[in-house]
Amino acid sequence: EALILLEEEKVDLVITDIKMPRKDGISLLQDMRNSERLKHIPVIAVTAITNRNKSQEKGNAAFSSYIFKPYSISDIVEQLIKFLPYSKSDRVKEKSVEMVDLSFKELAPVVIDHLKERIISTFQIIKERQAQSEVMQFGYDLIDAGVKYDEEILVSYGKEVVSSMEQFDITKLLEGFEWFGGLLEFNKISVQE
């Protein structure tokens, strides 16, 4: 089934688990390497096996790289950056359009207190490590705060966070973190511990 899809669609990268129910990742890799159309596509193996040689003992085709379980989003992003051509300048137009509606504004004191009490500590954590569940919760917390205090700027930014995480758009997410840091600074909210 995967091979049929790969033959029909334009694919730039394949990430596959080595152990799958019907056809394992090694067999999929071998079939891809035997196809003129697919042999050039990088294939990344997701595995719990820590010995790379053992993971390939069934065949001599080599994976392009490995992601070892348990893995984090940053492990996946690192591999995507390594194998997919991408430039931050590709997003300049999108960024300017998306952020136009999110101009800095003075927040009400009650909103500032809410951010300090319930959101800033999470923001400090996710700036360093973008764990999916924590980032999603941060986005939902911003949406809830925006609705509660009628602050559309928080609702819009919270939706941007959730959307960026759902699409695994880490560049957009990090650009949003910079914007949110600017909003906090504009409102004289310290993010220092």
N, C-alpha and C. Protein backbone atom coordinates (compact mmCIF):
# COMPACT_ATOMS: atom_id res chain seq x y z
N GLU A 1 0.82 -1.19 0.00
CA GLU A 1 0.00 0.00 0.00
C GLU A 1 0.87 1.26 0.00
N ALA A 2 1.91 1.28 0.84
CA ALA A 2 2.81 2.43 0.90
C ALA A 2 3.54 2.61 -0.42
N LEU A 3 3.97 1.52 -1.02
CA LEU A 3 4.68 1.61 -2.31
C LEU A 3 3.81 2.19 -3.40
N ILE A 4 2.55 1.81 -3.44
CA ILE A 4 1.63 2.34 -4.44
C ILE A 4 1.49 3.85 -4.25
N LEU A 5 1.31 4.28 -3.01
CA LEU A 5 1.20 5.70 -2.72
C LEU A 5 2.48 6.44 -3.11
N LEU A 6 3.62 5.86 -2.79
CA LEU A 6 4.90 6.48 -3.13
C LEU A 6 5.09 6.60 -4.64
N GLU A 7 4.62 5.62 -5.38
CA GLU A 7 4.74 5.65 -6.84
C GLU A 7 3.81 6.71 -7.46
N GLU A 8 2.66 6.95 -6.81
CA GLU A 8 1.67 7.87 -7.37
C GLU A 8 1.90 9.33 -6.97
N GLU A 9 2.47 9.56 -5.81
CA GLU A 9 2.63 10.92 -5.29
C GLU A 9 4.08 11.37 -5.38
N LYS A 10 4.29 12.69 -5.37
CA LYS A 10 5.63 13.23 -5.29
C LYS A 10 6.01 13.29 -3.81
N VAL A 11 7.03 12.56 -3.45
CA VAL A 11 7.44 12.45 -2.06
C VAL A 11 8.90 12.88 -1.95
N ASP A 12 9.19 13.72 -0.96
CA ASP A 12 10.56 14.21 -0.76
C ASP A 12 11.30 13.46 0.33
N LEU A 13 10.57 12.77 1.20
CA LEU A 13 11.17 12.11 2.35
C LEU A 13 10.19 11.07 2.89
N VAL A 14 10.73 9.95 3.37
CA VAL A 14 9.89 8.93 3.99
C VAL A 14 10.44 8.67 5.40
N ILE A 15 9.53 8.69 6.37
CA ILE A 15 9.87 8.30 7.74
C ILE A 15 9.05 7.05 8.02
N THR A 16 9.73 5.96 8.37
CA THR A 16 9.04 4.69 8.59
C THR A 16 9.54 4.01 9.85
N ASP A 17 8.63 3.35 10.52
CA ASP A 17 9.03 2.53 11.66
C ASP A 17 9.64 1.25 11.10
N ILE A 18 10.63 0.73 11.77
CA ILE A 18 11.25 -0.51 11.29
C ILE A 18 10.30 -1.68 11.51
N LYS A 19 9.64 -1.71 12.66
CA LYS A 19 8.72 -2.82 12.94
C LYS A 19 7.29 -2.37 12.68
N MET A 20 6.70 -2.98 11.64
CA MET A 20 5.29 -2.71 11.30
C MET A 20 4.60 -4.05 11.09
N PRO A 21 3.26 -4.07 11.18
CA PRO A 21 2.52 -5.34 11.13
C PRO A 21 2.72 -6.18 9.86
N ARG A 22 2.46 -5.62 8.69
CA ARG A 22 2.51 -6.43 7.48
C ARG A 22 3.86 -6.39 6.78
N LYS A 23 4.36 -5.23 6.54
CA LYS A 23 5.63 -5.08 5.84
C LYS A 23 6.51 -4.20 6.72
N ASP A 24 7.67 -4.70 7.11
CA ASP A 24 8.51 -3.91 8.00
C ASP A 24 9.27 -2.83 7.22
N GLY A 25 9.85 -1.89 7.95
CA GLY A 25 10.54 -0.77 7.34
C GLY A 25 11.72 -1.16 6.48
N ILE A 26 12.40 -2.25 6.85
CA ILE A 26 13.55 -2.70 6.07
C ILE A 26 13.10 -3.21 4.70
N SER A 27 11.99 -3.96 4.67
CA SER A 27 11.45 -4.43 3.39
C SER A 27 10.98 -3.26 2.52
N LEU A 28 10.35 -2.27 3.16
CA LEU A 28 9.92 -1.09 2.43
C LEU A 28 11.13 -0.38 1.83
N LEU A 29 12.17 -0.23 2.61
CA LEU A 29 13.40 0.42 2.13
C LEU A 29 13.99 -0.35 0.94
N GLN A 30 14.06 -1.67 1.04
CA GLN A 30 14.61 -2.48 -0.05
C GLN A 30 13.79 -2.32 -1.33
N ASP A 31 12.46 -2.32 -1.19
CA ASP A 31 11.60 -2.13 -2.36
C ASP A 31 11.80 -0.75 -2.97
N MET A 32 11.97 0.26 -2.13
CA MET A 32 12.20 1.62 -2.65
C MET A 32 13.55 1.70 -3.37
N ARG A 33 14.56 1.07 -2.82
CA ARG A 33 15.89 1.12 -3.44
C ARG A 33 15.93 0.34 -4.76
N ASN A 34 14.99 -0.59 -4.95
CA ASN A 34 14.91 -1.35 -6.20
C ASN A 34 14.05 -0.64 -7.26
N SER A 35 13.44 0.47 -6.90
CA SER A 35 12.59 1.23 -7.83
C SER A 35 13.38 2.42 -8.38
N GLU A 36 13.41 2.55 -9.69
CA GLU A 36 14.12 3.69 -10.31
C GLU A 36 13.54 5.02 -9.85
N ARG A 37 12.24 5.08 -9.70
CA ARG A 37 11.57 6.33 -9.32
C ARG A 37 11.78 6.68 -7.85
N LEU A 38 11.95 5.68 -6.99
CA LEU A 38 11.97 5.91 -5.54
C LEU A 38 13.35 5.81 -4.90
N LYS A 39 14.32 5.28 -5.61
CA LYS A 39 15.60 4.96 -4.96
C LYS A 39 16.36 6.18 -4.43
N HIS A 40 16.07 7.36 -4.95
CA HIS A 40 16.77 8.57 -4.53
C HIS A 40 16.16 9.22 -3.28
N ILE A 41 14.96 8.80 -2.87
CA ILE A 41 14.26 9.43 -1.75
C ILE A 41 14.91 9.03 -0.42
N PRO A 42 15.25 10.01 0.42
CA PRO A 42 15.79 9.67 1.74
C PRO A 42 14.74 8.93 2.57
N VAL A 43 15.20 7.91 3.29
CA VAL A 43 14.31 7.13 4.15
C VAL A 43 14.90 7.13 5.55
N ILE A 44 14.12 7.61 6.50
CA ILE A 44 14.54 7.68 7.90
C ILE A 44 13.80 6.59 8.67
N ALA A 45 14.55 5.81 9.42
CA ALA A 45 13.96 4.73 10.21
C ALA A 45 13.70 5.20 11.63
N VAL A 46 12.50 4.90 12.12
CA VAL A 46 12.16 5.12 13.52
C VAL A 46 12.29 3.76 14.19
N THR A 47 13.08 3.70 15.24
CA THR A 47 13.35 2.40 15.84
C THR A 47 13.65 2.50 17.33
N ALA A 48 13.37 1.39 18.02
CA ALA A 48 13.76 1.26 19.42
C ALA A 48 15.09 0.53 19.53
N ILE A 49 15.56 -0.02 18.42
CA ILE A 49 16.83 -0.73 18.40
C ILE A 49 17.95 0.30 18.46
N THR A 50 18.86 0.13 19.39
CA THR A 50 19.93 1.12 19.54
C THR A 50 21.17 0.78 18.74
N ASN A 51 21.24 -0.45 18.22
CA ASN A 51 22.40 -0.85 17.42
C ASN A 51 22.03 -0.75 15.94
N ARG A 52 22.61 0.22 15.24
CA ARG A 52 22.26 0.45 13.83
C ARG A 52 22.58 -0.76 12.96
N ASN A 53 23.64 -1.47 13.23
CA ASN A 53 24.00 -2.64 12.43
C ASN A 53 22.96 -3.73 12.57
N LYS A 54 22.48 -3.95 13.78
CA LYS A 54 21.47 -4.98 14.00
C LYS A 54 20.17 -4.64 13.27
N SER A 55 19.83 -3.34 13.21
CA SER A 55 18.58 -2.95 12.57
C SER A 55 18.61 -3.19 11.07
N GLN A 56 19.79 -3.39 10.49
CA GLN A 56 19.88 -3.61 9.05
C GLN A 56 20.33 -5.03 8.70
N GLU A 57 20.36 -5.93 9.67
CA GLU A 57 20.90 -7.26 9.37
C GLU A 57 20.07 -8.04 8.37
N LYS A 58 18.80 -7.67 8.14
CA LYS A 58 17.97 -8.37 7.17
C LYS A 58 18.30 -8.01 5.73
N GLY A 59 19.05 -6.94 5.50
CA GLY A 59 19.34 -6.53 4.13
C GLY A 59 20.51 -5.58 4.10
N ASN A 60 21.00 -5.31 2.89
CA ASN A 60 22.16 -4.45 2.82
C ASN A 60 21.82 -3.02 2.40
N ALA A 61 20.55 -2.70 2.19
CA ALA A 61 20.16 -1.32 1.89
C ALA A 61 20.27 -0.49 3.16
N ALA A 62 20.77 0.71 3.05
CA ALA A 62 20.98 1.54 4.24
C ALA A 62 19.94 2.65 4.34
N PHE A 63 19.47 2.88 5.55
CA PHE A 63 18.59 4.00 5.80
C PHE A 63 19.41 5.28 5.72
N SER A 64 18.76 6.37 5.38
CA SER A 64 19.45 7.66 5.30
C SER A 64 19.81 8.17 6.68
N SER A 65 18.97 7.86 7.66
CA SER A 65 19.21 8.28 9.03
C SER A 65 18.27 7.50 9.95
N TYR A 66 18.41 7.76 11.25
CA TYR A 66 17.59 7.07 12.25
C TYR A 66 17.02 8.07 13.23
N ILE A 67 15.83 7.77 13.72
CA ILE A 67 15.25 8.47 14.86
C ILE A 67 15.00 7.38 15.90
N PHE A 68 15.64 7.52 17.05
CA PHE A 68 15.56 6.48 18.06
C PHE A 68 14.47 6.80 19.08
N LYS A 69 13.69 5.75 19.41
CA LYS A 69 12.63 5.88 20.40
C LYS A 69 13.25 5.82 21.80
N PRO A 70 12.71 6.55 22.74
CA PRO A 70 11.69 7.57 22.59
C PRO A 70 12.29 8.81 21.93
N TYR A 71 11.51 9.50 21.15
CA TYR A 71 12.01 10.67 20.45
C TYR A 71 11.17 11.89 20.78
N SER A 72 11.73 13.05 20.48
CA SER A 72 11.01 14.31 20.72
C SER A 72 10.75 14.98 19.38
N ILE A 73 9.96 16.00 19.41
CA ILE A 73 9.68 16.76 18.20
C ILE A 73 10.98 17.32 17.63
N SER A 74 11.87 17.77 18.51
CA SER A 74 13.12 18.34 18.02
C SER A 74 13.96 17.30 17.27
N ASP A 75 13.86 16.01 17.65
CA ASP A 75 14.56 14.95 16.91
C ASP A 75 14.02 14.87 15.49
N ILE A 76 12.71 14.97 15.35
CA ILE A 76 12.09 14.89 14.02
C ILE A 76 12.45 16.13 13.21
N VAL A 77 12.34 17.29 13.83
CA VAL A 77 12.65 18.53 13.12
C VAL A 77 14.10 18.53 12.65
N GLU A 78 15.00 18.05 13.48
CA GLU A 78 16.41 17.97 13.10
C GLU A 78 16.59 17.15 11.82
N GLN A 79 15.88 16.05 11.71
CA GLN A 79 15.96 15.21 10.52
C GLN A 79 15.31 15.89 9.31
N LEU A 80 14.20 16.56 9.54
CA LEU A 80 13.54 17.27 8.44
C LEU A 80 14.45 18.36 7.88
N ILE A 81 15.08 19.10 8.76
CA ILE A 81 16.00 20.15 8.32
C ILE A 81 17.17 19.55 7.56
N LYS A 82 17.62 18.42 8.02
CA LYS A 82 18.78 17.76 7.40
C LYS A 82 18.47 17.29 5.97
N PHE A 83 17.25 16.83 5.72
CA PHE A 83 16.94 16.20 4.43
C PHE A 83 16.03 16.99 3.51
N LEU A 84 15.36 18.01 4.02
CA LEU A 84 14.44 18.77 3.17
C LEU A 84 14.98 20.18 2.96
N PRO A 85 15.05 20.62 1.72
CA PRO A 85 15.53 21.98 1.48
C PRO A 85 14.52 23.00 2.01
N TYR A 86 15.02 23.97 2.75
CA TYR A 86 14.14 24.96 3.33
C TYR A 86 14.96 26.18 3.71
N SER A 87 14.40 27.32 3.50
CA SER A 87 15.07 28.56 3.86
C SER A 87 14.10 29.42 4.64
N LYS A 88 14.59 30.07 5.69
CA LYS A 88 13.72 30.94 6.47
C LYS A 88 13.14 32.04 5.59
N SER A 89 13.86 32.44 4.55
CA SER A 89 13.36 33.48 3.65
C SER A 89 12.12 33.01 2.89
N ASP A 90 11.91 31.68 2.80
CA ASP A 90 10.71 31.15 2.15
C ASP A 90 9.44 31.61 2.86
N ARG A 91 9.56 31.96 4.13
CA ARG A 91 8.39 32.30 4.93
C ARG A 91 8.20 33.80 5.13
N VAL A 92 9.08 34.63 4.62
CA VAL A 92 9.01 36.07 4.90
C VAL A 92 7.65 36.65 4.53
N LYS A 93 7.16 36.34 3.34
CA LYS A 93 5.88 36.87 2.90
C LYS A 93 4.76 36.41 3.82
N GLU A 94 4.74 35.11 4.14
CA GLU A 94 3.70 34.56 5.01
C GLU A 94 3.74 35.24 6.37
N LYS A 95 4.93 35.41 6.93
CA LYS A 95 5.07 35.98 8.26
C LYS A 95 4.49 37.39 8.31
N SER A 96 4.82 38.20 7.33
CA SER A 96 4.36 39.58 7.36
C SER A 96 2.83 39.65 7.25
N VAL A 97 2.23 38.74 6.49
CA VAL A 97 0.78 38.73 6.36
C VAL A 97 0.13 38.24 7.65
N GLU A 98 0.68 37.17 8.24
CA GLU A 98 0.07 36.57 9.43
C GLU A 98 0.16 37.46 10.65
N MET A 99 1.27 38.17 10.83
CA MET A 99 1.48 38.93 12.05
C MET A 99 0.91 40.36 11.99
N VAL A 100 0.40 40.80 10.84
CA VAL A 100 -0.12 42.15 10.72
C VAL A 100 -1.22 42.41 11.76
N ASP A 101 -2.11 41.44 11.95
CA ASP A 101 -3.23 41.61 12.87
C ASP A 101 -2.83 41.49 14.33
N LEU A 102 -1.60 41.14 14.61
CA LEU A 102 -1.17 40.94 16.00
C LEU A 102 -0.23 42.05 16.44
N SER A 103 -0.68 43.29 16.31
CA SER A 103 0.12 44.43 16.76
C SER A 103 0.14 44.43 18.29
N PHE A 104 1.24 44.93 18.84
CA PHE A 104 1.33 45.03 20.30
C PHE A 104 0.28 46.00 20.81
N LYS A 105 -0.27 45.70 21.95
CA LYS A 105 -1.23 46.60 22.58
C LYS A 105 -1.10 46.49 24.08
N GLU A 106 -1.55 47.53 24.75
CA GLU A 106 -1.50 47.53 26.20
C GLU A 106 -2.62 46.63 26.73
N LEU A 107 -2.23 45.72 27.59
CA LEU A 107 -3.20 44.79 28.17
C LEU A 107 -3.71 45.33 29.49
N ALA A 108 -4.94 44.98 29.84
CA ALA A 108 -5.52 45.40 31.12
C ALA A 108 -4.76 44.75 32.27
N PRO A 109 -4.70 45.43 33.42
CA PRO A 109 -3.98 44.87 34.58
C PRO A 109 -4.44 43.47 34.97
N VAL A 110 -5.74 43.19 34.87
CA VAL A 110 -6.25 41.87 35.23
C VAL A 110 -5.71 40.81 34.27
N VAL A 111 -5.53 41.17 33.00
CA VAL A 111 -4.98 40.24 32.01
C VAL A 111 -3.50 40.00 32.30
N ILE A 112 -2.79 41.06 32.63
CA ILE A 112 -1.37 40.93 32.98
C ILE A 112 -1.21 40.02 34.19
N ASP A 113 -2.04 40.20 35.21
CA ASP A 113 -1.97 39.33 36.39
C ASP A 113 -2.22 37.88 36.01
N HIS A 114 -3.21 37.66 35.15
CA HIS A 114 -3.52 36.29 34.71
C HIS A 114 -2.32 35.67 33.98
N LEU A 115 -1.71 36.43 33.08
CA LEU A 115 -0.54 35.93 32.35
C LEU A 115 0.58 35.57 33.32
N LYS A 116 0.82 36.44 34.30
CA LYS A 116 1.89 36.20 35.28
C LYS A 116 1.61 34.95 36.11
N GLU A 117 0.36 34.78 36.52
CA GLU A 117 0.00 33.67 37.40
C GLU A 117 -0.09 32.32 36.69
N ARG A 118 -0.56 32.32 35.43
CA ARG A 118 -0.90 31.04 34.81
C ARG A 118 -0.21 30.72 33.50
N ILE A 119 0.42 31.68 32.87
CA ILE A 119 0.91 31.42 31.51
C ILE A 119 2.42 31.61 31.36
N ILE A 120 3.00 32.58 32.06
CA ILE A 120 4.42 32.90 31.87
C ILE A 120 5.33 31.72 32.20
N SER A 121 5.02 30.97 33.24
CA SER A 121 5.89 29.83 33.61
C SER A 121 5.91 28.78 32.49
N THR A 122 4.77 28.54 31.86
CA THR A 122 4.71 27.59 30.74
C THR A 122 5.49 28.15 29.55
N PHE A 123 5.36 29.44 29.31
CA PHE A 123 6.08 30.08 28.20
C PHE A 123 7.59 29.91 28.38
N GLN A 124 8.08 30.07 29.61
CA GLN A 124 9.51 29.90 29.87
C GLN A 124 9.97 28.48 29.51
N ILE A 125 9.16 27.50 29.83
CA ILE A 125 9.51 26.10 29.56
C ILE A 125 9.49 25.81 28.07
N ILE A 126 8.44 26.21 27.37
CA ILE A 126 8.31 25.84 25.96
C ILE A 126 9.25 26.62 25.05
N LYS A 127 9.76 27.75 25.51
CA LYS A 127 10.76 28.47 24.71
C LYS A 127 12.02 27.62 24.58
N GLU A 128 12.33 26.86 25.61
CA GLU A 128 13.52 26.03 25.62
C GLU A 128 13.30 24.66 25.00
N ARG A 129 12.14 24.08 25.25
CA ARG A 129 11.86 22.71 24.80
C ARG A 129 10.42 22.65 24.35
N GLN A 130 10.23 22.40 23.07
CA GLN A 130 8.88 22.46 22.50
C GLN A 130 8.18 21.10 22.55
N ALA A 131 7.87 20.64 23.76
CA ALA A 131 7.10 19.41 23.90
C ALA A 131 5.69 19.68 23.40
N GLN A 132 5.22 18.82 22.50
CA GLN A 132 3.95 19.07 21.83
C GLN A 132 2.80 19.32 22.80
N SER A 133 2.64 18.49 23.80
CA SER A 133 1.51 18.64 24.71
C SER A 133 1.58 19.97 25.47
N GLU A 134 2.78 20.38 25.87
CA GLU A 134 2.94 21.63 26.61
C GLU A 134 2.65 22.84 25.71
N VAL A 135 3.12 22.78 24.47
CA VAL A 135 2.89 23.88 23.53
C VAL A 135 1.40 23.99 23.21
N MET A 136 0.76 22.87 22.97
CA MET A 136 -0.68 22.89 22.68
C MET A 136 -1.45 23.46 23.88
N GLN A 137 -1.08 23.04 25.09
CA GLN A 137 -1.76 23.55 26.28
C GLN A 137 -1.56 25.05 26.42
N PHE A 138 -0.34 25.52 26.12
CA PHE A 138 -0.04 26.95 26.14
C PHE A 138 -0.98 27.70 25.18
N GLY A 139 -1.13 27.18 23.97
CA GLY A 139 -2.02 27.80 23.00
C GLY A 139 -3.46 27.84 23.49
N TYR A 140 -3.94 26.72 24.02
CA TYR A 140 -5.32 26.68 24.52
C TYR A 140 -5.50 27.60 25.72
N ASP A 141 -4.49 27.69 26.60
CA ASP A 141 -4.57 28.60 27.74
C ASP A 141 -4.67 30.06 27.28
N LEU A 142 -3.92 30.40 26.23
CA LEU A 142 -4.00 31.76 25.69
C LEU A 142 -5.39 32.04 25.10
N ILE A 143 -5.93 31.07 24.39
CA ILE A 143 -7.28 31.23 23.82
C ILE A 143 -8.29 31.43 24.94
N ASP A 144 -8.21 30.58 25.98
CA ASP A 144 -9.15 30.69 27.11
C ASP A 144 -9.03 32.05 27.78
N ALA A 145 -7.79 32.52 28.00
CA ALA A 145 -7.58 33.82 28.63
C ALA A 145 -8.14 34.93 27.74
N GLY A 146 -7.90 34.81 26.44
CA GLY A 146 -8.41 35.82 25.52
C GLY A 146 -9.92 35.90 25.52
N VAL A 147 -10.57 34.75 25.57
CA VAL A 147 -12.04 34.72 25.61
C VAL A 147 -12.54 35.28 26.94
N LYS A 148 -11.91 34.83 28.04
CA LYS A 148 -12.33 35.26 29.37
C LYS A 148 -12.24 36.78 29.54
N TYR A 149 -11.15 37.37 29.03
CA TYR A 149 -10.93 38.80 29.23
C TYR A 149 -11.20 39.63 27.98
N ASP A 150 -11.83 39.02 26.99
CA ASP A 150 -12.18 39.70 25.74
C ASP A 150 -10.95 40.37 25.10
N GLU A 151 -9.86 39.61 25.01
CA GLU A 151 -8.61 40.09 24.40
C GLU A 151 -8.37 39.29 23.13
N GLU A 152 -8.83 39.80 22.00
CA GLU A 152 -8.71 39.10 20.71
C GLU A 152 -7.26 38.79 20.36
N ILE A 153 -6.35 39.64 20.80
CA ILE A 153 -4.93 39.43 20.50
C ILE A 153 -4.44 38.10 21.08
N LEU A 154 -4.92 37.73 22.27
CA LEU A 154 -4.53 36.46 22.89
C LEU A 154 -5.20 35.28 22.20
N VAL A 155 -6.46 35.46 21.80
CA VAL A 155 -7.17 34.40 21.08
C VAL A 155 -6.46 34.13 19.75
N SER A 156 -6.13 35.19 19.01
CA SER A 156 -5.48 35.02 17.71
C SER A 156 -4.11 34.36 17.85
N TYR A 157 -3.33 34.83 18.81
CA TYR A 157 -2.01 34.24 18.99
C TYR A 157 -2.12 32.80 19.47
N GLY A 158 -3.06 32.51 20.37
CA GLY A 158 -3.25 31.13 20.83
C GLY A 158 -3.60 30.20 19.68
N LYS A 159 -4.44 30.67 18.76
CA LYS A 159 -4.79 29.88 17.58
C LYS A 159 -3.57 29.66 16.69
N GLU A 160 -2.71 30.67 16.56
CA GLU A 160 -1.47 30.54 15.79
C GLU A 160 -0.57 29.47 16.39
N VAL A 161 -0.47 29.45 17.72
CA VAL A 161 0.36 28.46 18.40
C VAL A 161 -0.17 27.06 18.12
N VAL A 162 -1.45 26.86 18.29
CA VAL A 162 -2.06 25.55 18.07
C VAL A 162 -1.88 25.12 16.61
N SER A 163 -2.16 26.02 15.70
CA SER A 163 -2.01 25.71 14.27
C SER A 163 -0.57 25.36 13.92
N SER A 164 0.38 26.13 14.42
CA SER A 164 1.80 25.86 14.15
C SER A 164 2.20 24.49 14.66
N MET A 165 1.71 24.14 15.84
CA MET A 165 2.07 22.84 16.42
C MET A 165 1.41 21.70 15.66
N GLU A 166 0.15 21.88 15.26
CA GLU A 166 -0.54 20.84 14.51
C GLU A 166 0.15 20.57 13.18
N GLN A 167 0.73 21.61 12.59
CA GLN A 167 1.42 21.47 11.31
C GLN A 167 2.92 21.19 11.49
N PHE A 168 3.37 21.07 12.72
CA PHE A 168 4.79 20.88 13.04
C PHE A 168 5.63 21.96 12.37
N ASP A 169 5.11 23.19 12.34
CA ASP A 169 5.82 24.32 11.75
C ASP A 169 6.62 25.00 12.86
N ILE A 170 7.77 24.46 13.17
CA ILE A 170 8.57 24.93 14.29
C ILE A 170 9.10 26.34 14.03
N THR A 171 9.45 26.65 12.78
CA THR A 171 9.93 28.00 12.47
C THR A 171 8.86 29.03 12.80
N LYS A 172 7.64 28.78 12.36
CA LYS A 172 6.54 29.70 12.64
C LYS A 172 6.28 29.78 14.15
N LEU A 173 6.38 28.65 14.83
CA LEU A 173 6.17 28.62 16.27
C LEU A 173 7.21 29.49 16.98
N LEU A 174 8.47 29.34 16.60
CA LEU A 174 9.54 30.11 17.25
C LEU A 174 9.42 31.59 16.93
N GLU A 175 9.02 31.92 15.71
CA GLU A 175 8.78 33.33 15.36
C GLU A 175 7.65 33.90 16.23
N GLY A 176 6.64 33.09 16.48
CA GLY A 176 5.54 33.50 17.36
C GLY A 176 6.00 33.70 18.78
N PHE A 177 6.92 32.86 19.24
CA PHE A 177 7.47 33.04 20.59
C PHE A 177 8.17 34.39 20.70
N GLU A 178 8.91 34.76 19.65
CA GLU A 178 9.57 36.07 19.65
C GLU A 178 8.53 37.18 19.74
N TRP A 179 7.45 37.05 18.97
CA TRP A 179 6.38 38.05 19.00
C TRP A 179 5.77 38.13 20.40
N PHE A 180 5.46 36.99 21.01
CA PHE A 180 4.84 36.98 22.33
C PHE A 180 5.78 37.59 23.36
N GLY A 181 7.06 37.28 23.26
CA GLY A 181 8.05 37.91 24.14
C GLY A 181 8.03 39.43 24.00
N GLY A 182 7.87 39.90 22.75
CA GLY A 182 7.76 41.34 22.51
C GLY A 182 6.51 41.94 23.14
N LEU A 183 5.39 41.20 23.05
CA LEU A 183 4.15 41.65 23.67
C LEU A 183 4.32 41.77 25.18
N LEU A 184 4.98 40.77 25.78
CA LEU A 184 5.21 40.80 27.22
C LEU A 184 6.10 42.00 27.59
N GLU A 185 7.16 42.19 26.82
CA GLU A 185 8.07 43.31 27.06
C GLU A 185 7.34 44.64 26.91
N PHE A 186 6.51 44.78 25.88
CA PHE A 186 5.72 45.99 25.65
C PHE A 186 4.85 46.31 26.87
N ASN A 187 4.35 45.24 27.52
CA ASN A 187 3.49 45.41 28.70
C ASN A 187 4.27 45.33 30.00
N LYS A 188 5.61 45.40 29.90
CA LYS A 188 6.50 45.39 31.07
C LYS A 188 6.29 44.18 31.96
N ILE A 189 6.10 43.02 31.30
CA ILE A 189 5.96 41.76 32.02
C ILE A 189 7.28 41.02 31.92
N SER A 190 7.88 40.73 33.04
CA SER A 190 9.16 40.05 33.06
C SER A 190 8.96 38.54 32.89
N VAL A 191 9.81 37.93 32.07
CA VAL A 191 9.76 36.47 31.91
C VAL A 191 10.93 35.81 32.62
N GLN A 192 11.66 36.57 33.40
CA GLN A 192 12.78 36.01 34.18
C GLN A 192 12.23 35.27 35.36
N GLU A 193 12.92 34.18 35.72
CA GLU A 193 12.46 33.37 36.87
C GLU A 193 12.74 34.07 38.17
